[in-house]
């Protein structure tokens, strides 16, 4: 089973729910992903735990983007 077929097996609504929960948690005082992206652009994202945290919170958005591009690509070709 290839990675693409495994990714296609995940329904898009499930990825959206993952983005809204894991991707944005905790919601207050600000989403963790937003904080880590700000640290990345400011050059203060240096601790390994913070880098892991950025990857963990960004993963649902990356998977959703790849899934949507693959679905769009499949319909246009």
PDB file of N, CA and C in Angstrom:
ATOM      1  N   UNK A   1       0.851  -1.177   0.000  1.00  0.00           N
ATOM      2  CA  UNK A   1       0.000   0.000   0.000  1.00  0.00           C
ATOM      3  C   UNK A   1       0.897   1.241   0.000  1.00  0.00           C
ATOM      4  N   UNK A   2       0.671   2.128  -0.952  1.00  0.00           N
ATOM      5  CA  UNK A   2       1.509   3.316  -1.060  1.00  0.00           C
ATOM      6  C   UNK A   2       1.013   4.421  -0.126  1.00  0.00           C
ATOM      7  N   UNK A   3       1.850   5.410   0.064  1.00  0.00           N
ATOM      8  CA  UNK A   3       1.512   6.530   0.933  1.00  0.00           C
ATOM      9  C   UNK A   3       0.329   7.300   0.367  1.00  0.00           C
ATOM     10  N   UNK A   4       0.290   7.451  -0.952  1.00  0.00           N
ATOM     11  CA  UNK A   4      -0.807   8.184  -1.587  1.00  0.00           C
ATOM     12  C   UNK A   4      -2.131   7.462  -1.360  1.00  0.00           C
ATOM     13  N   UNK A   5      -2.143   6.146  -1.497  1.00  0.00           N
ATOM     14  CA  UNK A   5      -3.388   5.411  -1.282  1.00  0.00           C
ATOM     15  C   UNK A   5      -3.806   5.449   0.188  1.00  0.00           C
ATOM     16  N   UNK A   6      -2.841   5.458   1.099  1.00  0.00           N
ATOM     17  CA  UNK A   6      -3.181   5.581   2.513  1.00  0.00           C
ATOM     18  C   UNK A   6      -3.759   6.963   2.803  1.00  0.00           C
ATOM     19  N   UNK A   7      -3.183   7.994   2.209  1.00  0.00           N
ATOM     20  CA  UNK A   7      -3.691   9.342   2.406  1.00  0.00           C
ATOM     21  C   UNK A   7      -5.081   9.487   1.786  1.00  0.00           C
ATOM     22  N   UNK A   8      -5.310   8.877   0.633  1.00  0.00           N
ATOM     23  CA  UNK A   8      -6.623   8.933  -0.001  1.00  0.00           C
ATOM     24  C   UNK A   8      -7.685   8.188   0.799  1.00  0.00           C
ATOM     25  N   UNK A   9      -7.267   7.291   1.671  1.00  0.00           N
ATOM     26  CA  UNK A   9      -8.215   6.550   2.500  1.00  0.00           C
ATOM     27  C   UNK A   9      -8.749   7.403   3.649  1.00  0.00           C
ATOM     28  N   UNK A  10      -8.083   8.504   3.955  1.00  0.00           N
ATOM     29  CA  UNK A  10      -8.535   9.386   5.030  1.00  0.00           C
ATOM     30  C   UNK A  10      -9.554  10.360   4.444  1.00  0.00           C
ATOM     31  N   UNK A  11     -10.786  10.351   4.951  1.00  0.00           N
ATOM     32  CA  UNK A  11     -11.789  11.276   4.421  1.00  0.00           C
ATOM     33  C   UNK A  11     -11.414  12.733   4.700  1.00  0.00           C
ATOM     34  N   UNK A  12     -11.744  13.607   3.773  1.00  0.00           N
ATOM     35  CA  UNK A  12     -11.425  15.027   3.924  1.00  0.00           C
ATOM     36  C   UNK A  12     -12.079  15.629   5.174  1.00  0.00           C
ATOM     37  N   UNK A  13     -13.337  15.291   5.505  1.00  0.00           N
ATOM     38  CA  UNK A  13     -13.906  15.862   6.747  1.00  0.00           C
ATOM     39  C   UNK A  13     -13.118  15.497   8.010  1.00  0.00           C
ATOM     40  N   UNK A  14     -12.538  14.313   8.025  1.00  0.00           N
ATOM     41  CA  UNK A  14     -11.712  13.917   9.179  1.00  0.00           C
ATOM     42  C   UNK A  14     -10.477  14.811   9.259  1.00  0.00           C
ATOM     43  N   UNK A  15      -9.865  15.102   8.128  1.00  0.00           N
ATOM     44  CA  UNK A  15      -8.701  15.986   8.124  1.00  0.00           C
ATOM     45  C   UNK A  15      -9.080  17.401   8.548  1.00  0.00           C
ATOM     46  N   UNK A  16     -10.261  17.857   8.156  1.00  0.00           N
ATOM     47  CA  UNK A  16     -10.723  19.186   8.575  1.00  0.00           C
ATOM     48  C   UNK A  16     -10.908  19.226  10.089  1.00  0.00           C
ATOM     49  N   UNK A  17     -11.492  18.185  10.649  1.00  0.00           N
ATOM     50  CA  UNK A  17     -11.666  18.119  12.111  1.00  0.00           C
ATOM     51  C   UNK A  17     -10.309  18.091  12.809  1.00  0.00           C
ATOM     52  N   UNK A  18      -9.355  17.360  12.265  1.00  0.00           N
ATOM     53  CA  UNK A  18      -8.009  17.335  12.842  1.00  0.00           C
ATOM     54  C   UNK A  18      -7.370  18.724  12.796  1.00  0.00           C
ATOM     55  N   UNK A  19      -7.569  19.444  11.699  1.00  0.00           N
ATOM     56  CA  UNK A  19      -7.025  20.799  11.592  1.00  0.00           C
ATOM     57  C   UNK A  19      -7.632  21.719  12.644  1.00  0.00           C
ATOM     58  N   UNK A  20      -8.943  21.597  12.847  1.00  0.00           N
ATOM     59  CA  UNK A  20      -9.619  22.480  13.788  1.00  0.00           C
ATOM     60  C   UNK A  20      -9.339  22.121  15.244  1.00  0.00           C
ATOM     61  N   UNK A  21      -8.981  20.879  15.515  1.00  0.00           N
ATOM     62  CA  UNK A  21      -8.718  20.479  16.901  1.00  0.00           C
ATOM     63  C   UNK A  21      -7.219  20.458  17.189  1.00  0.00           C
ATOM     64  N   UNK A  22      -6.506  19.486  16.656  1.00  0.00           N
ATOM     65  CA  UNK A  22      -5.075  19.360  16.926  1.00  0.00           C
ATOM     66  C   UNK A  22      -4.291  20.516  16.319  1.00  0.00           C
ATOM     67  N   UNK A  23      -4.680  20.936  15.144  1.00  0.00           N
ATOM     68  CA  UNK A  23      -3.941  21.997  14.468  1.00  0.00           C
ATOM     69  C   UNK A  23      -4.008  23.332  15.168  1.00  0.00           C
ATOM     70  N   UNK A  24      -5.133  23.642  15.801  1.00  0.00           N
ATOM     71  CA  UNK A  24      -5.294  24.950  16.429  1.00  0.00           C
ATOM     72  C   UNK A  24      -5.250  24.912  17.951  1.00  0.00           C
ATOM     73  N   UNK A  25      -5.214  23.743  18.556  1.00  0.00           N
ATOM     74  CA  UNK A  25      -5.216  23.643  20.015  1.00  0.00           C
ATOM     75  C   UNK A  25      -3.896  24.114  20.583  1.00  0.00           C
ATOM     76  N   UNK A  26      -3.827  24.660  21.749  1.00  0.00           N
ATOM     77  CA  UNK A  26      -4.929  25.217  22.530  1.00  0.00           C
ATOM     78  C   UNK A  26      -5.406  26.531  21.911  1.00  0.00           C
ATOM     79  N   UNK A  27      -6.654  26.828  22.089  1.00  0.00           N
ATOM     80  CA  UNK A  27      -7.245  27.981  21.427  1.00  0.00           C
ATOM     81  C   UNK A  27      -6.937  29.300  22.130  1.00  0.00           C
ATOM     82  N   UNK A  28      -6.761  29.256  23.449  1.00  0.00           N
ATOM     83  CA  UNK A  28      -6.521  30.486  24.212  1.00  0.00           C
ATOM     84  C   UNK A  28      -5.190  30.396  24.926  1.00  0.00           C
ATOM     85  N   UNK A  29      -4.375  31.362  24.992  1.00  0.00           N
ATOM     86  CA  UNK A  29      -4.592  32.743  24.542  1.00  0.00           C
ATOM     87  C   UNK A  29      -4.431  32.906  23.038  1.00  0.00           C
ATOM     88  N   UNK A  30      -3.706  32.017  22.365  1.00  0.00           N
ATOM     89  CA  UNK A  30      -3.622  32.023  20.909  1.00  0.00           C
ATOM     90  C   UNK A  30      -3.319  30.608  20.447  1.00  0.00           C
ATOM     91  N   UNK A  31      -3.703  30.272  19.209  1.00  0.00           N
ATOM     92  CA  UNK A  31      -3.405  28.917  18.718  1.00  0.00           C
ATOM     93  C   UNK A  31      -1.901  28.634  18.723  1.00  0.00           C
ATOM     94  N   UNK A  32      -1.559  27.427  19.121  1.00  0.00           N
ATOM     95  CA  UNK A  32      -0.160  27.023  19.243  1.00  0.00           C
ATOM     96  C   UNK A  32       0.574  27.130  17.908  1.00  0.00           C
ATOM     97  N   UNK A  33      -0.115  26.746  16.844  1.00  0.00           N
ATOM     98  CA  UNK A  33       0.505  26.796  15.522  1.00  0.00           C
ATOM     99  C   UNK A  33       0.872  28.233  15.164  1.00  0.00           C
ATOM    100  N   UNK A  34      -0.009  29.164  15.458  1.00  0.00           N
ATOM    101  CA  UNK A  34       0.265  30.572  15.175  1.00  0.00           C
ATOM    102  C   UNK A  34       1.492  31.048  15.967  1.00  0.00           C
ATOM    103  N   UNK A  35       1.561  30.656  17.237  1.00  0.00           N
ATOM    104  CA  UNK A  35       2.702  31.035  18.084  1.00  0.00           C
ATOM    105  C   UNK A  35       4.010  30.473  17.524  1.00  0.00           C
ATOM    106  N   UNK A  36       3.990  29.208  17.114  1.00  0.00           N
ATOM    107  CA  UNK A  36       5.211  28.581  16.601  1.00  0.00           C
ATOM    108  C   UNK A  36       5.623  29.166  15.250  1.00  0.00           C
ATOM    109  N   UNK A  37       4.651  29.496  14.400  1.00  0.00           N
ATOM    110  CA  UNK A  37       4.980  30.133  13.126  1.00  0.00           C
ATOM    111  C   UNK A  37       5.577  31.522  13.348  1.00  0.00           C
ATOM    112  N   UNK A  38       5.048  32.249  14.324  1.00  0.00           N
ATOM    113  CA  UNK A  38       5.604  33.564  14.655  1.00  0.00           C
ATOM    114  C   UNK A  38       7.034  33.422  15.163  1.00  0.00           C
ATOM    115  N   UNK A  39       7.276  32.403  15.992  1.00  0.00           N
ATOM    116  CA  UNK A  39       8.633  32.143  16.479  1.00  0.00           C
ATOM    117  C   UNK A  39       9.564  31.795  15.316  1.00  0.00           C
ATOM    118  N   UNK A  40       9.063  31.015  14.356  1.00  0.00           N
ATOM    119  CA  UNK A  40       9.864  30.626  13.200  1.00  0.00           C
ATOM    120  C   UNK A  40      10.272  31.854  12.388  1.00  0.00           C
ATOM    121  N   UNK A  41       9.327  32.741  12.118  1.00  0.00           N
ATOM    122  CA  UNK A  41       9.634  33.923  11.319  1.00  0.00           C
ATOM    123  C   UNK A  41      10.466  34.954  12.073  1.00  0.00           C
ATOM    124  N   UNK A  42      10.395  34.942  13.415  1.00  0.00           N
ATOM    125  CA  UNK A  42      11.221  35.841  14.225  1.00  0.00           C
ATOM    126  C   UNK A  42      12.617  35.284  14.477  1.00  0.00           C
ATOM    127  N   UNK A  43      12.823  34.006  14.149  1.00  0.00           N
ATOM    128  CA  UNK A  43      14.126  33.385  14.357  1.00  0.00           C
ATOM    129  C   UNK A  43      14.342  32.887  15.767  1.00  0.00           C
ATOM    130  N   UNK A  44      13.270  32.745  16.549  1.00  0.00           N
ATOM    131  CA  UNK A  44      13.406  32.286  17.933  1.00  0.00           C
ATOM    132  C   UNK A  44      12.979  30.824  18.114  1.00  0.00           C
ATOM    133  N   UNK A  45      12.695  30.143  17.039  1.00  0.00           N
ATOM    134  CA  UNK A  45      12.307  28.728  17.112  1.00  0.00           C
ATOM    135  C   UNK A  45      13.578  27.891  17.103  1.00  0.00           C
ATOM    136  N   UNK A  46      14.175  27.690  18.267  1.00  0.00           N
ATOM    137  CA  UNK A  46      15.465  27.021  18.349  1.00  0.00           C
ATOM    138  C   UNK A  46      15.439  25.741  19.178  1.00  0.00           C
ATOM    139  N   UNK A  47      14.517  25.625  20.111  1.00  0.00           N
ATOM    140  CA  UNK A  47      14.470  24.443  20.959  1.00  0.00           C
ATOM    141  C   UNK A  47      13.892  23.257  20.188  1.00  0.00           C
ATOM    142  N   UNK A  48      14.471  22.073  20.363  1.00  0.00           N
ATOM    143  CA  UNK A  48      13.952  20.893  19.669  1.00  0.00           C
ATOM    144  C   UNK A  48      12.476  20.618  19.977  1.00  0.00           C
ATOM    145  N   UNK A  49      12.052  20.874  21.206  1.00  0.00           N
ATOM    146  CA  UNK A  49      10.657  20.645  21.567  1.00  0.00           C
ATOM    147  C   UNK A  49       9.732  21.588  20.802  1.00  0.00           C
ATOM    148  N   UNK A  50      10.153  22.826  20.617  1.00  0.00           N
ATOM    149  CA  UNK A  50       9.347  23.781  19.858  1.00  0.00           C
ATOM    150  C   UNK A  50       9.262  23.389  18.382  1.00  0.00           C
ATOM    151  N   UNK A  51      10.363  22.878  17.831  1.00  0.00           N
ATOM    152  CA  UNK A  51      10.369  22.442  16.431  1.00  0.00           C
ATOM    153  C   UNK A  51       9.443  21.235  16.263  1.00  0.00           C
ATOM    154  N   UNK A  52       9.506  20.292  17.193  1.00  0.00           N
ATOM    155  CA  UNK A  52       8.598  19.137  17.176  1.00  0.00           C
ATOM    156  C   UNK A  52       7.154  19.594  17.290  1.00  0.00           C
ATOM    157  N   UNK A  53       6.906  20.558  18.174  1.00  0.00           N
ATOM    158  CA  UNK A  53       5.570  21.095  18.392  1.00  0.00           C
ATOM    159  C   UNK A  53       5.026  21.738  17.114  1.00  0.00           C
ATOM    160  N   UNK A  54       5.858  22.474  16.403  1.00  0.00           N
ATOM    161  CA  UNK A  54       5.450  23.071  15.138  1.00  0.00           C
ATOM    162  C   UNK A  54       5.063  21.986  14.144  1.00  0.00           C
ATOM    163  N   UNK A  55       5.878  20.950  14.043  1.00  0.00           N
ATOM    164  CA  UNK A  55       5.564  19.856  13.131  1.00  0.00           C
ATOM    165  C   UNK A  55       4.281  19.138  13.506  1.00  0.00           C
ATOM    166  N   UNK A  56       4.073  18.915  14.791  1.00  0.00           N
ATOM    167  CA  UNK A  56       2.880  18.219  15.256  1.00  0.00           C
ATOM    168  C   UNK A  56       1.620  19.015  14.942  1.00  0.00           C
ATOM    169  N   UNK A  57       1.642  20.306  15.206  1.00  0.00           N
ATOM    170  CA  UNK A  57       0.453  21.121  14.990  1.00  0.00           C
ATOM    171  C   UNK A  57       0.247  21.473  13.517  1.00  0.00           C
ATOM    172  N   UNK A  58       1.295  21.424  12.706  1.00  0.00           N
ATOM    173  CA  UNK A  58       1.169  21.730  11.277  1.00  0.00           C
ATOM    174  C   UNK A  58       0.807  20.496  10.451  1.00  0.00           C
ATOM    175  N   UNK A  59       1.053  19.312  10.972  1.00  0.00           N
ATOM    176  CA  UNK A  59       0.824  18.083  10.210  1.00  0.00           C
ATOM    177  C   UNK A  59      -0.597  17.955   9.664  1.00  0.00           C
ATOM    178  N   UNK A  60      -1.651  18.212  10.441  1.00  0.00           N
ATOM    179  CA  UNK A  60      -2.996  18.090   9.854  1.00  0.00           C
ATOM    180  C   UNK A  60      -3.224  19.031   8.668  1.00  0.00           C
ATOM    181  N   UNK A  61      -2.676  20.241   8.722  1.00  0.00           N
ATOM    182  CA  UNK A  61      -2.828  21.184   7.618  1.00  0.00           C
ATOM    183  C   UNK A  61      -2.055  20.714   6.384  1.00  0.00           C
ATOM    184  N   UNK A  62      -0.885  20.150   6.598  1.00  0.00           N
ATOM    185  CA  UNK A  62      -0.091  19.636   5.486  1.00  0.00           C
ATOM    186  C   UNK A  62      -0.811  18.452   4.838  1.00  0.00           C
ATOM    187  N   UNK A  63      -1.329  17.548   5.656  1.00  0.00           N
ATOM    188  CA  UNK A  63      -2.053  16.388   5.119  1.00  0.00           C
ATOM    189  C   UNK A  63      -3.297  16.831   4.357  1.00  0.00           C
ATOM    190  N   UNK A  64      -4.021  17.803   4.880  1.00  0.00           N
ATOM    191  CA  UNK A  64      -5.216  18.302   4.198  1.00  0.00           C
ATOM    192  C   UNK A  64      -4.846  18.949   2.868  1.00  0.00           C
ATOM    193  N   UNK A  65      -3.795  19.734   2.857  1.00  0.00           N
ATOM    194  CA  UNK A  65      -3.368  20.386   1.619  1.00  0.00           C
ATOM    195  C   UNK A  65      -2.963  19.356   0.565  1.00  0.00           C
ATOM    196  N   UNK A  66      -2.202  18.352   0.964  1.00  0.00           N
ATOM    197  CA  UNK A  66      -1.781  17.309   0.022  1.00  0.00           C
ATOM    198  C   UNK A  66      -2.991  16.530  -0.483  1.00  0.00           C
ATOM    199  N   UNK A  67      -3.905  16.238   0.416  1.00  0.00           N
ATOM    200  CA  UNK A  67      -5.127  15.494   0.045  1.00  0.00           C
ATOM    201  C   UNK A  67      -5.969  16.289  -0.945  1.00  0.00           C
ATOM    202  N   UNK A  68      -6.127  17.599  -0.719  1.00  0.00           N
ATOM    203  CA  UNK A  68      -6.918  18.435  -1.618  1.00  0.00           C
ATOM    204  C   UNK A  68      -6.237  18.593  -2.976  1.00  0.00           C
ATOM    205  N   UNK A  69      -4.919  18.763  -2.976  1.00  0.00           N
ATOM    206  CA  UNK A  69      -4.191  18.872  -4.244  1.00  0.00           C
ATOM    207  C   UNK A  69      -4.300  17.567  -5.023  1.00  0.00           C
ATOM    208  N   UNK A  70      -4.172  16.442  -4.341  1.00  0.00           N
ATOM    209  CA  UNK A  70      -4.282  15.140  -5.010  1.00  0.00           C
ATOM    210  C   UNK A  70      -5.687  14.938  -5.568  1.00  0.00           C
ATOM    211  N   UNK A  71      -6.711  15.358  -4.819  1.00  0.00           N
ATOM    212  CA  UNK A  71      -8.085  15.214  -5.299  1.00  0.00           C
ATOM    213  C   UNK A  71      -8.328  16.118  -6.503  1.00  0.00           C
ATOM    214  N   UNK A  72      -7.791  17.342  -6.454  1.00  0.00           N
ATOM    215  CA  UNK A  72      -7.952  18.271  -7.568  1.00  0.00           C
ATOM    216  C   UNK A  72      -7.209  17.775  -8.796  1.00  0.00           C
ATOM    217  N   UNK A  73      -6.004  17.267  -8.576  1.00  0.00           N
ATOM    218  CA  UNK A  73      -5.185  16.759  -9.667  1.00  0.00           C
ATOM    219  C   UNK A  73      -5.865  15.560 -10.348  1.00  0.00           C
ATOM    220  N   UNK A  74      -6.485  14.718  -9.525  1.00  0.00           N
ATOM    221  CA  UNK A  74      -7.148  13.526 -10.058  1.00  0.00           C
ATOM    222  C   UNK A  74      -8.340  13.932 -10.923  1.00  0.00           C
ATOM    223  N   UNK A  75      -9.061  14.985 -10.549  1.00  0.00           N
ATOM    224  CA  UNK A  75     -10.249  15.380 -11.308  1.00  0.00           C
ATOM    225  C   UNK A  75      -9.891  16.116 -12.590  1.00  0.00           C
ATOM    226  N   UNK A  76      -8.724  16.764 -12.625  1.00  0.00           N
ATOM    227  CA  UNK A  76      -8.344  17.526 -13.824  1.00  0.00           C
ATOM    228  C   UNK A  76      -7.617  16.682 -14.861  1.00  0.00           C
ATOM    229  N   UNK A  77      -7.099  15.544 -14.472  1.00  0.00           N
ATOM    230  CA  UNK A  77      -6.350  14.751 -15.457  1.00  0.00           C
ATOM    231  C   UNK A  77      -7.151  13.583 -15.979  1.00  0.00           C
TER     232      UNK A  77
END
